[in-house]
């Protein structure tokens, strides 16, 4: 999609209700849905994380950045993901966590990202995380710098 056309839609999303439960259910593996029906995430004291769904122009076409996680001994090894991670004491809120982690993992400064809004959090049972996603846009082409310790590649 042409990036200028994409930008025309971003203000409209501010007041739109999010069909999170229905959308998450469509994309969740069936065995996980069975687990989630039996489990109340609030009773398992999930850890928090925040991610950035970052859209940007490249040759005036809209792109979404994803990362390929490094291989390691853990449940999220070698997965494709949004940039993001756990909050640190310096973070004022989860939005700041998403911005900081995006900077750390792919080298994009927070002042290059306009955060449009938060999306509905999603519980990830294998790692016991409640992930808080944020929609952000950059109005300029981006030059990524991969954090080699955590990121195997940038998509």
Protein backbone atom coordinates (compact mmCIF):
# COMPACT_ATOMS: atom_id res chain seq x y z
CA UNK A 1 0.00 0.00 0.00
CA UNK A 2 1.17 3.49 -0.79
CA UNK A 3 2.44 5.05 2.47
CA UNK A 4 0.54 8.31 1.97
CA UNK A 5 -2.69 6.30 1.64
CA UNK A 6 -1.78 4.32 4.74
CA UNK A 7 -1.32 7.52 6.73
CA UNK A 8 -4.90 8.54 5.91
CA UNK A 9 -6.15 5.51 7.86
CA UNK A 10 -4.12 6.00 11.04
CA UNK A 11 -6.29 8.75 12.60
CA UNK A 12 -9.38 6.58 12.08
CA UNK A 13 -7.94 3.79 14.21
CA UNK A 14 -7.88 5.98 17.33
CA UNK A 15 -11.62 5.62 17.95
CA UNK A 16 -12.17 2.12 16.62
CA UNK A 17 -12.99 -0.72 18.98
CA UNK A 18 -10.60 -3.61 18.78
CA UNK A 19 -11.99 -7.12 18.22
CA UNK A 20 -9.12 -8.65 20.15
CA UNK A 21 -10.74 -11.75 21.60
CA UNK A 22 -12.17 -12.80 18.24
CA UNK A 23 -9.01 -11.92 16.30
CA UNK A 24 -6.69 -13.65 18.78
CA UNK A 25 -8.87 -16.78 18.73
CA UNK A 26 -8.63 -16.99 14.93
CA UNK A 27 -4.84 -16.98 15.05
CA UNK A 28 -4.27 -19.09 18.16
CA UNK A 29 -3.37 -22.79 17.85
CA UNK A 30 -6.33 -24.97 18.86
CA UNK A 31 -4.43 -26.64 21.72
CA UNK A 32 -3.63 -23.22 23.15
CA UNK A 33 -7.30 -22.18 22.95
CA UNK A 34 -8.19 -25.23 25.04
CA UNK A 35 -5.56 -24.22 27.59
CA UNK A 36 -6.72 -20.60 27.65
CA UNK A 37 -10.33 -21.64 28.26
CA UNK A 38 -9.20 -23.40 31.44
CA UNK A 39 -6.76 -20.70 32.51
CA UNK A 40 -7.27 -17.21 33.85
CA UNK A 41 -4.04 -15.30 33.06
CA UNK A 42 -4.59 -13.05 36.06
CA UNK A 43 -4.32 -16.08 38.35
CA UNK A 44 -0.88 -17.07 37.04
CA UNK A 45 0.74 -13.68 37.71
CA UNK A 46 2.12 -13.16 34.19
CA UNK A 47 5.25 -11.17 33.53
CA UNK A 48 4.82 -8.03 31.42
CA UNK A 49 6.32 -7.17 28.07
CA UNK A 50 5.68 -4.56 25.41
CA UNK A 51 6.18 -4.72 21.65
CA UNK A 52 6.10 -2.22 18.80
CA UNK A 53 4.17 -2.82 15.58
CA UNK A 54 6.18 -0.31 13.57
CA UNK A 55 5.07 0.79 10.09
CA UNK A 56 7.36 2.88 7.92
CA UNK A 57 7.78 3.91 4.27
CA UNK A 58 10.29 2.34 1.92
CA UNK A 59 10.16 3.56 -1.67
CA UNK A 60 6.82 5.13 -0.60
CA UNK A 61 5.36 1.66 0.12
CA UNK A 62 4.17 0.74 3.62
CA UNK A 63 6.35 -1.77 5.46
CA UNK A 64 6.07 -3.45 8.87
CA UNK A 65 9.27 -4.40 10.67
CA UNK A 66 9.67 -7.80 12.31
CA UNK A 67 12.67 -9.43 13.92
CA UNK A 68 14.02 -12.96 13.85
CA UNK A 69 15.09 -13.89 17.36
CA UNK A 70 18.43 -15.56 17.94
CA UNK A 71 18.59 -19.26 18.64
CA UNK A 72 18.88 -20.00 22.36
CA UNK A 73 17.58 -22.44 24.96
CA UNK A 74 14.11 -21.05 25.47
CA UNK A 75 10.53 -21.23 24.25
CA UNK A 76 10.82 -18.26 21.90
CA UNK A 77 14.10 -19.29 20.26
CA UNK A 78 14.35 -18.48 16.52
CA UNK A 79 10.85 -17.01 16.39
CA UNK A 80 9.67 -14.13 14.24
CA UNK A 81 8.42 -11.31 16.47
CA UNK A 82 7.81 -7.63 16.87
CA UNK A 83 10.67 -5.75 18.51
CA UNK A 84 10.06 -5.50 22.23
CA UNK A 85 10.72 -6.95 25.64
CA UNK A 86 10.48 -6.63 29.38
CA UNK A 87 10.11 -3.33 31.24
CA UNK A 88 13.06 -1.91 33.09
CA UNK A 89 13.08 0.43 36.08
CA UNK A 90 13.88 3.40 33.83
CA UNK A 91 10.67 2.91 31.83
CA UNK A 92 7.83 5.22 32.87
CA UNK A 93 5.23 2.92 31.30
CA UNK A 94 4.87 0.06 28.82
CA UNK A 95 4.77 2.43 25.86
CA UNK A 96 8.23 3.60 26.85
CA UNK A 97 9.29 -0.04 27.17
CA UNK A 98 8.19 -0.71 23.59
CA UNK A 99 10.05 2.38 22.35
CA UNK A 100 13.23 1.58 24.32
CA UNK A 101 13.27 -2.05 23.23
CA UNK A 102 12.70 -1.05 19.59
CA UNK A 103 15.71 1.23 19.84
CA UNK A 104 17.83 -1.45 21.49
CA UNK A 105 16.90 -4.28 19.13
CA UNK A 106 16.72 -2.54 15.74
CA UNK A 107 18.36 0.84 16.34
CA UNK A 108 15.38 3.16 15.78
CA UNK A 109 15.38 6.16 18.11
CA UNK A 110 12.13 6.78 20.03
CA UNK A 111 11.80 10.28 18.56
CA UNK A 112 11.52 8.70 15.09
CA UNK A 113 8.35 6.82 16.12
CA UNK A 114 4.89 8.29 16.53
CA UNK A 115 2.92 5.96 18.78
CA UNK A 116 -0.66 5.89 17.49
CA UNK A 117 -2.21 3.76 20.22
CA UNK A 118 -1.97 0.63 22.30
CA UNK A 119 -3.65 -2.56 21.19
CA UNK A 120 -5.21 -5.26 23.34
CA UNK A 121 -2.72 -7.22 25.39
CA UNK A 122 -2.29 -10.92 24.65
CA UNK A 123 -1.30 -13.69 27.02
CA UNK A 124 1.50 -16.05 25.91
CA UNK A 125 1.22 -19.26 27.99
CA UNK A 126 4.57 -20.95 27.14
CA UNK A 127 6.54 -18.07 28.69
CA UNK A 128 3.82 -16.69 31.00
CA UNK A 129 3.95 -13.20 29.50
CA UNK A 130 1.20 -10.65 29.06
CA UNK A 131 2.34 -8.77 25.98
CA UNK A 132 1.18 -5.18 25.43
CA UNK A 133 1.43 -4.18 21.75
CA UNK A 134 1.70 -0.61 20.49
CA UNK A 135 1.10 0.66 16.97
CA UNK A 136 3.74 3.10 15.82
CA UNK A 137 4.65 4.81 12.59
CA UNK A 138 7.76 6.47 11.28
CA UNK A 139 7.23 8.98 8.50
CA UNK A 140 10.67 8.43 7.02
CA UNK A 141 12.64 5.53 5.61
CA UNK A 142 14.54 3.75 8.33
CA UNK A 143 18.06 2.40 8.62
CA UNK A 144 18.07 -0.53 11.01
CA UNK A 145 20.93 -1.52 13.29
CA UNK A 146 20.49 -5.06 14.60
CA UNK A 147 21.34 -5.90 18.20
CA UNK A 148 23.41 -9.01 17.55
CA UNK A 149 22.96 -10.49 21.06
CA UNK A 150 19.18 -10.84 20.65
CA UNK A 151 18.31 -10.39 16.99
CA UNK A 152 19.37 -12.80 14.26
CA UNK A 153 17.74 -10.77 11.50
CA UNK A 154 15.43 -7.91 10.61
CA UNK A 155 12.52 -8.60 8.29
